[in-house]
Amino acid sequence: MITIPYLTALTTYFSYGLLFAFGQFRDFFRNIFDWWHASNLEGYAPICLGLEDFYIRRLYLRIQDCFGRPIASAPDAWFDVVERYSNDNNKTLKRTDKISRCLNLGSYNYLGFAAADEYCTPRVIDSLCRFSASTCSTRVEGGTTTLHKELEECVANFVGKPAAVVFGMGYVTNSAILPVIIGRGGLIISDSLNHNSIVNGARGSGATIRVFQHNTPSHLEKVLREQIADGQPRTHRPWKKIIVVVEGIYSMEGELCKLPEIIAICKKYKAYVYLDEAHSIGAVGKTGRGVCELLGVDTADVDIMMGTFTKSFGSCGGYIAGSKELIQYLKYTCPAHLYATSISPPAAQQIISSIKVILGEDGSSRGAQKLARIRENSNFFRSELQKMGFEVLGDNDSPIMPIMLYNPAKIPAFSRECLKQNVAVVTVAFPATPLLLARARICISASHTKEDLLKALEVISQVGDMVGIKYFPAEPNKQQQDQQQQQPGKDTIKLD
């Protein structure tokens, strides 16, 4: 739970109120102006109505240069950002031929596999020549290659489950699977900060949805107990099944799930556990096997394990791992398996090769070195940011570090000033976060060197002072502490 300083909350509300008031004021005169012109809708209703259009025009367009920045290279530790300009107050942005070489603190390239790799890249190129870029077919028609079978076996073995099925898109893995495994008469209990793909999948299932306070096992137990006692709405019949959905690492918070406590509660009330490891698989744990390995949880206690290949593995797509019966059922019934084009063969090869590097099956220790480096980089960077006085969310070992900005004016200011000094960061605001909780989300990679991190810290510290987002007093550095200890006080005698 984030506790917002009173003054910060007040000024943030005031800033949004000011933007809203000026937006409404401008819209009033816009409507008067438009009234004098003939409508070109020819009887159709406007496709964008009310606050949907208002938010884009009056808030988002003011700072859209901070989002969707095109890049012209692989998303490695450093990448090329294409410069853009606007001649109409940010309503439209045009690309230029100029690029800026920037330090990448925004991509999910946790283990550095998104760039060319000495083991992965040659095999991916070979698979492209052998299988082509796409299967041009679904899995149940002509879209299952030997690579897809190998990938599913590889994933199942890596996460410690009997079987797995892979999909071409990580978002769809959640949104398409949940409606298949639960429907009317079922109960989904979801963490309040679960990803949008989980939210949409739960809504599409037709099941009853209840939410528990973020990462709070005691409240989860309270909700479970109440819902089991009440039963289904109107009929009060027992629930057909209950699924508790959580994430391994919460993507906007950088927090680790309290998985052992949640599993214990689910066992007590006979509820299934659905674990989304999109950001944790490959990134945490001694051998990269995610939060189960990190927190000492037996994967047999997690009924459904979901993950994506877009972060640690430098590819695309997602997977579901579980019992053989579950995976066979999904292959017969899941629309994402039956009707969607299968994952690209080169993308599948990239995942297989990166898992082999992580496990050391490439004949080297690079995988272990990457895992050690991402852990060291993450903990070092988080510690230094906190010492500077920033409010940083998340837990140790997590490569995601949200820096709280709060005020809407600080969102573009922080992003633009960092970019001026060749540091590319991602800022996140409403509706991706609650209105008051805008933040900059830093993602650390194993490909970052110590020099990269020190440069980033220097720039972020300077910009933080300029923008005013150091909400806590900074800790004195070691050099200052040594000077204070060496400097004699008023009541001391210096002896030679």
Protein backbone atom coordinates (compact mmCIF):
# COMPACT_ATOMS: atom_id res chain seq x y z
CA MET A 1 0.00 0.00 0.00
CA ILE A 2 1.44 3.36 -1.09
CA THR A 3 1.07 6.21 1.39
CA ILE A 4 0.95 9.51 -0.50
CA PRO A 5 2.22 12.61 1.33
CA TYR A 6 -0.69 14.99 2.01
CA LEU A 7 0.86 17.95 0.21
CA THR A 8 1.79 15.80 -2.79
CA ALA A 9 -1.76 14.44 -3.05
CA LEU A 10 -3.18 17.95 -2.76
CA THR A 11 -0.98 19.43 -5.49
CA THR A 12 -1.58 16.41 -7.75
CA TYR A 13 -5.35 16.75 -7.42
CA PHE A 14 -5.02 20.49 -8.07
CA SER A 15 -2.93 19.88 -11.22
CA TYR A 16 -5.40 17.40 -12.67
CA GLY A 17 -8.27 19.70 -11.74
CA LEU A 18 -6.58 22.58 -13.54
CA LEU A 19 -6.02 20.48 -16.65
CA PHE A 20 -9.60 19.29 -16.58
CA ALA A 21 -10.99 22.82 -16.11
CA PHE A 22 -8.94 24.30 -18.94
CA GLY A 23 -9.86 21.35 -21.15
CA GLN A 24 -13.57 21.86 -20.51
CA PHE A 25 -13.15 25.61 -21.10
CA ARG A 26 -11.51 24.99 -24.48
CA ASP A 27 -14.12 22.38 -25.39
CA PHE A 28 -16.89 24.90 -24.67
CA PHE A 29 -15.51 27.32 -27.25
CA ARG A 30 -14.73 24.46 -29.62
CA ASN A 31 -18.40 23.38 -29.57
CA ILE A 32 -19.50 26.95 -30.29
CA PHE A 33 -17.08 27.13 -33.22
CA ASP A 34 -18.16 23.72 -34.55
CA TRP A 35 -21.84 24.73 -34.33
CA TRP A 36 -21.28 27.23 -37.16
CA HIS A 37 -19.89 24.54 -39.44
CA ALA A 38 -21.90 21.83 -41.09
CA SER A 39 -21.39 18.37 -39.60
CA ASN A 40 -19.71 15.85 -41.87
CA LEU A 41 -20.99 12.83 -39.93
CA GLU A 42 -24.07 12.50 -42.21
CA GLY A 43 -26.26 11.06 -39.48
CA TYR A 44 -23.62 8.91 -37.79
CA ALA A 45 -22.88 9.32 -34.10
CA PRO A 46 -19.31 10.41 -33.23
CA ILE A 47 -17.15 7.32 -32.86
CA CYS A 48 -15.39 8.83 -29.82
CA LEU A 49 -17.62 10.34 -27.18
CA GLY A 50 -17.25 12.19 -23.91
CA LEU A 51 -14.27 11.59 -21.67
CA GLU A 52 -12.69 9.04 -24.04
CA ASP A 53 -12.00 11.76 -26.58
CA PHE A 54 -11.49 14.43 -23.93
CA TYR A 55 -8.67 12.57 -22.17
CA ILE A 56 -6.77 12.02 -25.42
CA ARG A 57 -7.16 15.58 -26.70
CA ARG A 58 -6.69 17.57 -23.51
CA LEU A 59 -4.28 15.44 -21.47
CA TYR A 60 -2.51 12.74 -23.45
CA LEU A 61 -1.70 14.79 -26.58
CA ARG A 62 0.13 17.37 -24.48
CA ILE A 63 2.76 14.78 -23.54
CA GLN A 64 2.50 12.13 -26.25
CA ASP A 65 6.13 12.75 -27.26
CA CYS A 66 7.03 10.88 -24.05
CA PHE A 67 5.33 7.71 -25.29
CA GLY A 68 5.71 5.44 -28.29
CA ARG A 69 9.20 6.62 -29.13
CA PRO A 70 10.41 4.71 -32.23
CA ILE A 71 13.79 3.00 -32.04
CA ALA A 72 16.18 2.07 -34.85
CA SER A 73 18.19 -0.77 -33.30
CA ALA A 74 17.89 -3.83 -31.10
CA PRO A 75 16.68 -3.00 -27.54
CA ASP A 76 20.04 -3.73 -25.92
CA ALA A 77 21.61 -1.82 -23.01
CA TRP A 78 22.08 1.08 -25.45
CA PHE A 79 19.81 1.68 -28.42
CA ASP A 80 19.05 4.27 -31.10
CA VAL A 81 16.02 6.48 -30.46
CA VAL A 82 14.55 8.24 -33.50
CA GLU A 83 14.06 11.96 -32.95
CA ARG A 84 10.63 13.47 -33.65
CA TYR A 85 9.16 16.96 -33.93
CA SER A 86 5.72 18.54 -33.99
CA ASN A 87 4.39 21.65 -35.74
CA ASP A 88 0.91 21.54 -34.20
CA ASN A 89 1.46 21.52 -30.43
CA ASN A 90 2.01 17.76 -30.18
CA LYS A 91 -1.18 16.75 -31.99
CA THR A 92 0.94 14.90 -34.54
CA LEU A 93 4.58 13.83 -34.38
CA LYS A 94 6.83 13.44 -37.40
CA ARG A 95 9.98 11.34 -37.51
CA THR A 96 13.30 12.78 -38.58
CA ASP A 97 16.43 11.10 -39.94
CA LYS A 98 18.30 11.88 -36.73
CA ILE A 99 18.87 9.32 -34.02
CA SER A 100 20.12 9.58 -30.45
CA ARG A 101 22.19 6.84 -28.85
CA CYS A 102 20.51 6.35 -25.47
CA LEU A 103 20.91 4.18 -22.41
CA ASN A 104 17.92 1.84 -22.37
CA LEU A 105 16.11 1.74 -19.01
CA GLY A 106 12.69 0.86 -20.39
CA SER A 107 12.81 -2.50 -22.22
CA TYR A 108 12.02 -5.86 -20.60
CA ASN A 109 15.32 -7.26 -21.86
CA TYR A 110 16.14 -8.73 -18.46
CA LEU A 111 18.82 -11.22 -19.50
CA GLY A 112 20.08 -9.40 -22.60
CA PHE A 113 18.78 -11.94 -25.14
CA ALA A 114 16.98 -9.25 -27.18
CA ALA A 115 20.28 -8.34 -28.85
CA ALA A 116 22.47 -10.57 -31.00
CA ASP A 117 23.74 -13.58 -29.06
CA GLU A 118 26.63 -15.85 -29.99
CA TYR A 119 24.59 -19.01 -29.32
CA CYS A 120 20.99 -17.99 -30.06
CA THR A 121 21.28 -15.80 -33.16
CA PRO A 122 22.94 -18.33 -35.56
CA ARG A 123 20.30 -20.92 -34.65
CA VAL A 124 17.47 -18.44 -35.14
CA ILE A 125 18.83 -17.54 -38.59
CA ASP A 126 19.09 -21.23 -39.46
CA SER A 127 15.47 -21.81 -38.38
CA LEU A 128 14.36 -18.87 -40.52
CA CYS A 129 15.98 -20.45 -43.57
CA ARG A 130 14.55 -23.86 -42.72
CA PHE A 131 10.97 -23.01 -41.65
CA SER A 132 10.42 -19.40 -42.91
CA ALA A 133 9.17 -16.48 -40.83
CA SER A 134 5.65 -17.81 -40.28
CA THR A 135 3.77 -21.10 -40.39
CA CYS A 136 0.78 -19.29 -41.98
CA SER A 137 -1.49 -21.74 -40.19
CA THR A 138 -3.00 -22.63 -36.83
CA ARG A 139 -1.63 -25.33 -34.54
CA VAL A 140 -4.43 -27.79 -35.39
CA GLU A 141 -3.91 -27.41 -39.15
CA GLY A 142 -0.41 -27.04 -40.59
CA GLY A 143 1.11 -24.80 -37.95
CA THR A 144 2.79 -27.33 -35.66
CA THR A 145 6.47 -27.85 -36.50
CA THR A 146 9.09 -29.93 -34.75
CA LEU A 147 10.23 -26.69 -33.08
CA HIS A 148 6.83 -26.19 -31.44
CA LYS A 149 6.89 -29.68 -29.96
CA GLU A 150 10.46 -29.20 -28.76
CA LEU A 151 9.57 -25.82 -27.28
CA GLU A 152 6.63 -27.17 -25.27
CA GLU A 153 8.76 -29.99 -23.86
CA CYS A 154 11.55 -27.52 -23.08
CA VAL A 155 9.20 -25.11 -21.27
CA ALA A 156 7.53 -27.87 -19.26
CA ASN A 157 10.91 -29.15 -18.13
CA PHE A 158 12.16 -25.64 -17.33
CA VAL A 159 9.22 -24.62 -15.13
CA GLY A 160 8.86 -28.05 -13.51
CA LYS A 161 5.45 -29.10 -14.84
CA PRO A 162 4.36 -32.27 -16.69
CA ALA A 163 3.21 -30.45 -19.83
CA ALA A 164 2.91 -27.05 -21.49
CA VAL A 165 1.23 -25.34 -24.45
CA VAL A 166 2.59 -22.21 -26.18
CA PHE A 167 0.81 -19.28 -27.84
CA GLY A 168 1.90 -16.54 -30.21
CA MET A 169 1.08 -13.61 -27.90
CA GLY A 170 1.60 -13.13 -24.16
CA TYR A 171 -1.46 -10.91 -23.64
CA VAL A 172 -3.75 -13.45 -25.31
CA THR A 173 -2.35 -16.23 -23.14
CA ASN A 174 -4.20 -14.74 -20.16
CA SER A 175 -7.21 -13.22 -21.90
CA ALA A 176 -8.01 -16.37 -23.90
CA ILE A 177 -7.19 -19.02 -21.30
CA LEU A 178 -9.25 -17.79 -18.33
CA PRO A 179 -12.60 -18.01 -20.21
CA VAL A 180 -11.75 -21.61 -21.12
CA ILE A 181 -10.90 -22.90 -17.66
CA ILE A 182 -13.76 -21.20 -15.79
CA GLY A 183 -17.22 -19.90 -16.64
CA ARG A 184 -20.63 -19.20 -15.13
CA GLY A 185 -20.98 -20.64 -11.68
CA GLY A 186 -17.27 -20.24 -11.03
CA LEU A 187 -15.48 -17.69 -8.86
CA ILE A 188 -12.31 -15.78 -9.77
CA ILE A 189 -10.54 -14.01 -6.92
CA SER A 190 -8.02 -11.61 -8.41
CA ASP A 191 -5.33 -9.40 -6.92
CA SER A 192 -6.39 -5.76 -7.17
CA LEU A 193 -3.28 -4.87 -9.21
CA ASN A 194 -3.32 -7.76 -11.67
CA HIS A 195 -2.46 -7.03 -15.30
CA ASN A 196 -5.11 -5.87 -17.77
CA SER A 197 -4.89 -9.16 -19.67
CA ILE A 198 -6.03 -10.99 -16.52
CA VAL A 199 -8.81 -8.46 -15.91
CA ASN A 200 -10.16 -8.81 -19.46
CA GLY A 201 -9.83 -12.59 -19.38
CA ALA A 202 -11.75 -12.76 -16.11
CA ARG A 203 -14.50 -10.49 -17.45
CA GLY A 204 -14.81 -12.54 -20.61
CA SER A 205 -15.19 -15.79 -18.68
CA GLY A 206 -18.63 -14.97 -17.30
CA ALA A 207 -17.51 -16.10 -13.85
CA THR A 208 -18.16 -14.05 -10.73
CA ILE A 209 -15.17 -11.83 -9.96
CA ARG A 210 -14.03 -10.70 -6.55
CA VAL A 211 -10.90 -8.67 -5.79
CA PHE A 212 -8.61 -8.82 -2.77
CA GLN A 213 -6.26 -6.12 -1.53
CA HIS A 214 -2.95 -6.14 -3.36
CA ASN A 215 -0.60 -8.86 -2.10
CA THR A 216 -2.49 -9.19 1.21
CA PRO A 217 -3.03 -12.89 2.08
CA SER A 218 -5.15 -12.05 5.15
CA HIS A 219 -7.68 -10.19 3.00
CA LEU A 220 -7.64 -13.00 0.44
CA GLU A 221 -8.63 -15.42 3.20
CA LYS A 222 -11.42 -13.09 4.31
CA VAL A 223 -12.81 -12.85 0.77
CA LEU A 224 -12.55 -16.62 0.28
CA ARG A 225 -14.32 -17.35 3.54
CA GLU A 226 -17.15 -14.89 2.81
CA GLN A 227 -17.69 -16.09 -0.76
CA ILE A 228 -17.70 -19.77 0.18
CA ALA A 229 -20.24 -19.05 2.91
CA ASP A 230 -22.51 -17.01 0.60
CA GLY A 231 -22.19 -19.21 -2.50
CA GLN A 232 -23.34 -18.15 -5.94
CA PRO A 233 -25.39 -14.95 -6.34
CA ARG A 234 -29.18 -15.41 -5.98
CA THR A 235 -29.11 -19.22 -5.79
CA HIS A 236 -26.46 -19.51 -3.03
CA ARG A 237 -25.39 -22.82 -4.50
CA PRO A 238 -21.77 -23.91 -3.96
CA TRP A 239 -19.27 -22.55 -6.48
CA LYS A 240 -18.41 -24.91 -9.31
CA LYS A 241 -14.74 -24.00 -8.89
CA ILE A 242 -12.67 -21.20 -7.38
CA ILE A 243 -9.48 -19.82 -8.95
CA VAL A 244 -7.15 -17.34 -7.24
CA VAL A 245 -5.13 -15.34 -9.77
CA VAL A 246 -1.84 -13.64 -8.82
CA GLU A 247 1.36 -12.46 -10.51
CA GLY A 248 4.92 -13.50 -9.70
CA ILE A 249 6.26 -9.95 -10.03
CA TYR A 250 3.70 -7.18 -10.38
CA SER A 251 4.67 -5.25 -13.49
CA MET A 252 3.73 -1.76 -12.24
CA GLU A 253 4.92 -2.26 -8.66
CA GLY A 254 8.04 -4.42 -8.93
CA GLU A 255 6.82 -6.41 -5.93
CA LEU A 256 7.20 -10.14 -5.43
CA CYS A 257 4.03 -12.12 -4.79
CA LYS A 258 3.60 -13.54 -1.27
CA LEU A 259 3.20 -16.91 -2.87
CA PRO A 260 3.85 -19.30 0.06
CA GLU A 261 1.15 -17.65 2.20
CA ILE A 262 -1.33 -17.48 -0.70
CA ILE A 263 -0.81 -21.15 -1.55
CA ALA A 264 -1.36 -22.14 2.08
CA ILE A 265 -4.70 -20.27 2.12
CA CYS A 266 -5.78 -21.75 -1.22
CA LYS A 267 -5.05 -25.26 0.04
CA LYS A 268 -7.10 -24.57 3.17
CA TYR A 269 -10.16 -23.49 1.14
CA LYS A 270 -9.65 -25.86 -1.83
CA ALA A 271 -9.10 -23.09 -4.38
CA TYR A 272 -6.92 -23.40 -7.49
CA VAL A 273 -3.85 -21.16 -7.90
CA TYR A 274 -3.23 -19.40 -11.23
CA LEU A 275 0.24 -17.81 -11.29
CA ASP A 276 1.24 -15.26 -13.95
CA GLU A 277 5.04 -15.28 -14.23
CA ALA A 278 5.33 -12.87 -17.17
CA HIS A 279 7.99 -10.75 -15.46
CA SER A 280 9.50 -13.30 -13.07
CA ILE A 281 10.23 -16.37 -15.19
CA GLY A 282 13.85 -16.31 -16.31
CA ALA A 283 14.58 -13.15 -14.31
CA VAL A 284 14.62 -14.36 -10.69
CA GLY A 285 15.64 -17.53 -8.91
CA LYS A 286 19.03 -19.20 -8.75
CA THR A 287 18.57 -20.89 -12.12
CA GLY A 288 15.99 -18.44 -13.51
CA ARG A 289 12.93 -20.57 -12.78
CA GLY A 290 10.94 -17.69 -11.33
CA VAL A 291 9.31 -16.90 -8.01
CA CYS A 292 8.66 -20.54 -7.14
CA GLU A 293 12.40 -21.19 -7.08
CA LEU A 294 13.17 -17.85 -5.41
CA LEU A 295 10.61 -18.30 -2.61
CA GLY A 296 11.08 -22.05 -2.18
CA VAL A 297 7.63 -23.05 -3.46
CA ASP A 298 7.02 -26.48 -4.96
CA THR A 299 5.63 -26.02 -8.47
CA ALA A 300 3.25 -28.93 -7.79
CA ASP A 301 1.38 -26.56 -5.45
CA VAL A 302 0.68 -24.13 -8.32
CA ASP A 303 -2.13 -25.52 -10.45
CA ILE A 304 -1.75 -23.29 -13.51
CA MET A 305 1.50 -21.55 -14.41
CA MET A 306 1.45 -18.84 -17.03
CA GLY A 307 4.42 -16.94 -18.45
CA THR A 308 5.61 -14.98 -21.44
CA PHE A 309 8.67 -15.16 -23.67
CA THR A 310 8.79 -11.41 -24.33
CA LYS A 311 10.94 -10.47 -21.34
CA SER A 312 13.78 -12.73 -20.24
CA PHE A 313 13.93 -14.82 -23.42
CA GLY A 314 14.08 -12.05 -26.01
CA SER A 315 11.25 -13.42 -28.14
CA CYS A 316 7.44 -13.28 -28.30
CA GLY A 317 4.48 -15.37 -27.16
CA GLY A 318 3.41 -17.03 -23.93
CA TYR A 319 2.79 -20.41 -22.33
CA ILE A 320 0.54 -22.28 -19.95
CA ALA A 321 2.07 -25.12 -17.93
CA GLY A 322 0.19 -27.60 -15.77
CA SER A 323 -0.97 -31.18 -15.62
CA LYS A 324 -1.15 -33.27 -18.78
CA GLU A 325 -4.95 -33.41 -18.47
CA LEU A 326 -5.20 -29.59 -18.30
CA ILE A 327 -2.91 -29.00 -21.28
CA GLN A 328 -4.73 -31.60 -23.38
CA TYR A 329 -8.04 -29.95 -22.52
CA LEU A 330 -6.70 -26.52 -23.53
CA LYS A 331 -5.46 -27.86 -26.86
CA TYR A 332 -8.97 -29.13 -27.60
CA THR A 333 -10.88 -26.04 -26.48
CA CYS A 334 -8.76 -22.85 -26.35
CA PRO A 335 -9.50 -20.42 -29.25
CA ALA A 336 -5.93 -19.10 -29.15
CA HIS A 337 -4.71 -22.62 -29.96
CA LEU A 338 -7.47 -23.56 -32.41
CA TYR A 339 -7.85 -20.38 -34.44
CA ALA A 340 -4.72 -18.23 -34.06
CA THR A 341 -1.58 -18.60 -36.16
CA SER A 342 1.08 -20.53 -34.29
CA ILE A 343 4.16 -18.86 -32.86
CA SER A 344 6.78 -17.97 -35.48
CA PRO A 345 9.43 -20.75 -35.88
CA PRO A 346 12.40 -18.33 -35.49
CA ALA A 347 10.76 -16.97 -32.32
CA ALA A 348 10.34 -20.53 -31.03
CA GLN A 349 14.00 -21.28 -31.76
CA GLN A 350 15.05 -18.13 -29.91
CA ILE A 351 13.21 -19.32 -26.79
CA ILE A 352 14.66 -22.83 -26.97
CA SER A 353 18.19 -21.50 -27.42
CA SER A 354 17.90 -18.93 -24.62
CA ILE A 355 16.61 -21.55 -22.18
CA LYS A 356 19.58 -23.76 -23.08
CA VAL A 357 21.94 -20.87 -22.35
CA ILE A 358 20.22 -20.22 -18.99
CA LEU A 359 20.55 -23.89 -18.04
CA GLY A 360 24.15 -24.08 -19.23
CA GLU A 361 23.32 -26.59 -21.97
CA ASP A 362 25.23 -24.47 -24.48
CA GLY A 363 28.46 -25.65 -22.85
CA SER A 364 29.20 -22.36 -21.10
CA SER A 365 28.43 -20.60 -17.82
CA ARG A 366 26.99 -17.50 -19.51
CA GLY A 367 23.49 -18.27 -18.27
CA ALA A 368 24.57 -18.37 -14.62
CA GLN A 369 26.58 -15.18 -15.15
CA LYS A 370 23.55 -13.40 -16.64
CA LEU A 371 21.36 -14.42 -13.71
CA ALA A 372 23.96 -13.27 -11.18
CA ARG A 373 24.42 -9.98 -13.02
CA ILE A 374 20.70 -9.14 -13.25
CA ARG A 375 20.36 -9.78 -9.52
CA GLU A 376 23.42 -7.68 -8.64
CA ASN A 377 22.44 -4.87 -11.03
CA SER A 378 18.87 -4.75 -9.73
CA ASN A 379 19.78 -4.68 -6.05
CA PHE A 380 22.58 -2.14 -6.56
CA PHE A 381 20.42 0.22 -8.61
CA ARG A 382 17.47 0.03 -6.22
CA SER A 383 19.70 0.66 -3.21
CA GLU A 384 21.36 3.68 -4.81
CA LEU A 385 18.04 5.23 -5.86
CA GLN A 386 16.72 4.88 -2.31
CA LYS A 387 19.87 6.45 -0.88
CA MET A 388 19.34 9.46 -3.17
CA GLY A 389 15.89 10.07 -1.65
CA PHE A 390 13.61 8.71 -4.39
CA GLU A 391 10.48 6.81 -3.48
CA VAL A 392 11.14 3.44 -5.11
CA LEU A 393 8.60 0.63 -5.09
CA GLY A 394 9.25 -3.10 -5.24
CA ASP A 395 11.38 -5.75 -3.58
CA ASN A 396 14.99 -6.83 -3.76
CA ASP A 397 15.90 -9.10 -6.70
CA SER A 398 13.10 -7.57 -8.80
CA PRO A 399 14.43 -5.94 -12.01
CA ILE A 400 11.46 -3.54 -12.07
CA MET A 401 11.92 -0.28 -10.15
CA PRO A 402 9.05 2.23 -10.22
CA ILE A 403 10.11 5.76 -9.17
CA MET A 404 7.07 7.68 -7.95
CA LEU A 405 6.34 10.96 -9.77
CA TYR A 406 2.72 11.62 -8.67
CA ASN A 407 2.17 15.06 -10.24
CA PRO A 408 1.12 15.07 -13.94
CA ALA A 409 3.49 17.92 -14.75
CA LYS A 410 6.43 15.80 -13.57
CA ILE A 411 5.67 12.99 -16.02
CA PRO A 412 6.83 14.79 -19.19
CA ALA A 413 9.44 16.81 -17.33
CA PHE A 414 11.22 13.71 -16.02
CA SER A 415 10.99 11.85 -19.33
CA ARG A 416 12.16 14.75 -21.52
CA GLU A 417 15.02 15.80 -19.28
CA CYS A 418 16.35 12.25 -19.08
CA LEU A 419 16.17 11.93 -22.87
CA LYS A 420 18.11 15.17 -23.29
CA GLN A 421 20.95 13.47 -21.41
CA ASN A 422 20.64 10.28 -23.49
CA VAL A 423 18.83 8.17 -20.93
CA ALA A 424 15.56 6.65 -22.19
CA VAL A 425 13.00 5.93 -19.47
CA VAL A 426 9.37 4.82 -19.49
CA THR A 427 6.79 6.91 -17.65
CA VAL A 428 3.42 5.44 -16.72
CA ALA A 429 0.25 7.27 -15.70
CA PHE A 430 -3.54 6.96 -15.66
CA PRO A 431 -5.27 4.79 -16.87
CA ALA A 432 -2.42 2.28 -16.52
CA THR A 433 -2.06 3.37 -12.88
CA PRO A 434 -4.44 5.07 -10.42
CA LEU A 435 -4.82 8.80 -11.06
CA LEU A 436 -2.48 9.93 -8.27
CA LEU A 437 0.18 7.28 -8.72
CA ALA A 438 2.10 8.27 -11.87
CA ARG A 439 5.60 6.84 -11.98
CA ALA A 440 8.71 6.20 -14.03
CA ARG A 441 9.26 2.47 -14.45
CA ILE A 442 12.92 1.50 -14.62
CA CYS A 443 13.77 -1.94 -16.00
CA ILE A 444 17.28 -3.25 -15.36
CA SER A 445 19.06 -5.73 -17.61
CA ALA A 446 21.95 -8.13 -17.25
CA SER A 447 23.46 -6.40 -20.27
CA HIS A 448 23.93 -3.17 -18.29
CA THR A 449 27.49 -2.62 -17.13
CA LYS A 450 28.46 -0.92 -13.88
CA GLU A 451 29.41 2.17 -15.89
CA ASP A 452 25.94 2.19 -17.50
CA LEU A 453 24.26 2.07 -14.12
CA LEU A 454 26.46 4.81 -12.66
CA LYS A 455 25.68 7.08 -15.63
CA ALA A 456 21.97 6.39 -15.24
CA LEU A 457 22.11 7.15 -11.51
CA GLU A 458 23.96 10.41 -12.14
CA VAL A 459 21.41 11.57 -14.74
CA ILE A 460 18.37 10.46 -12.72
CA SER A 461 19.73 12.20 -9.63
CA GLN A 462 20.24 15.46 -11.53
CA VAL A 463 16.81 15.29 -13.13
CA GLY A 464 15.26 14.29 -9.81
CA ASP A 465 16.64 17.45 -8.21
CA MET A 466 15.44 19.54 -11.14
CA VAL A 467 11.92 18.08 -11.22
CA GLY A 468 11.56 17.75 -7.45
CA ILE A 469 10.78 14.06 -6.99
CA LYS A 470 13.18 13.24 -4.16
CA TYR A 471 10.52 12.84 -1.50
CA PHE A 472 12.90 11.54 1.18
CA PRO A 473 16.14 12.98 2.59
CA ALA A 474 19.21 11.61 0.83
CA GLU A 475 21.72 9.53 2.74
CA PRO A 476 25.24 11.00 2.98
CA ASN A 477 27.65 9.20 0.72
CA LYS A 478 30.69 7.38 2.02
CA GLN A 479 33.08 10.20 1.14
CA GLN A 480 31.01 12.72 3.12
CA GLN A 481 30.81 10.36 6.08
CA ASP A 482 34.60 9.90 6.05
CA GLN A 483 35.13 13.67 5.92
CA GLN A 484 32.76 14.19 8.85
CA GLN A 485 34.59 11.56 10.89
CA GLN A 486 38.00 13.07 10.09
CA GLN A 487 36.89 16.66 10.78
CA PRO A 488 37.44 17.50 14.49
CA GLY A 489 34.46 18.83 16.43
CA LYS A 490 34.36 22.00 18.53
CA ASP A 491 35.01 20.16 21.79
CA THR A 492 37.77 17.87 20.57
CA ILE A 493 41.51 18.18 20.63
CA LYS A 494 43.46 17.16 17.54
CA LEU A 495 46.59 15.26 18.46
CA ASP A 496 49.56 14.76 16.17
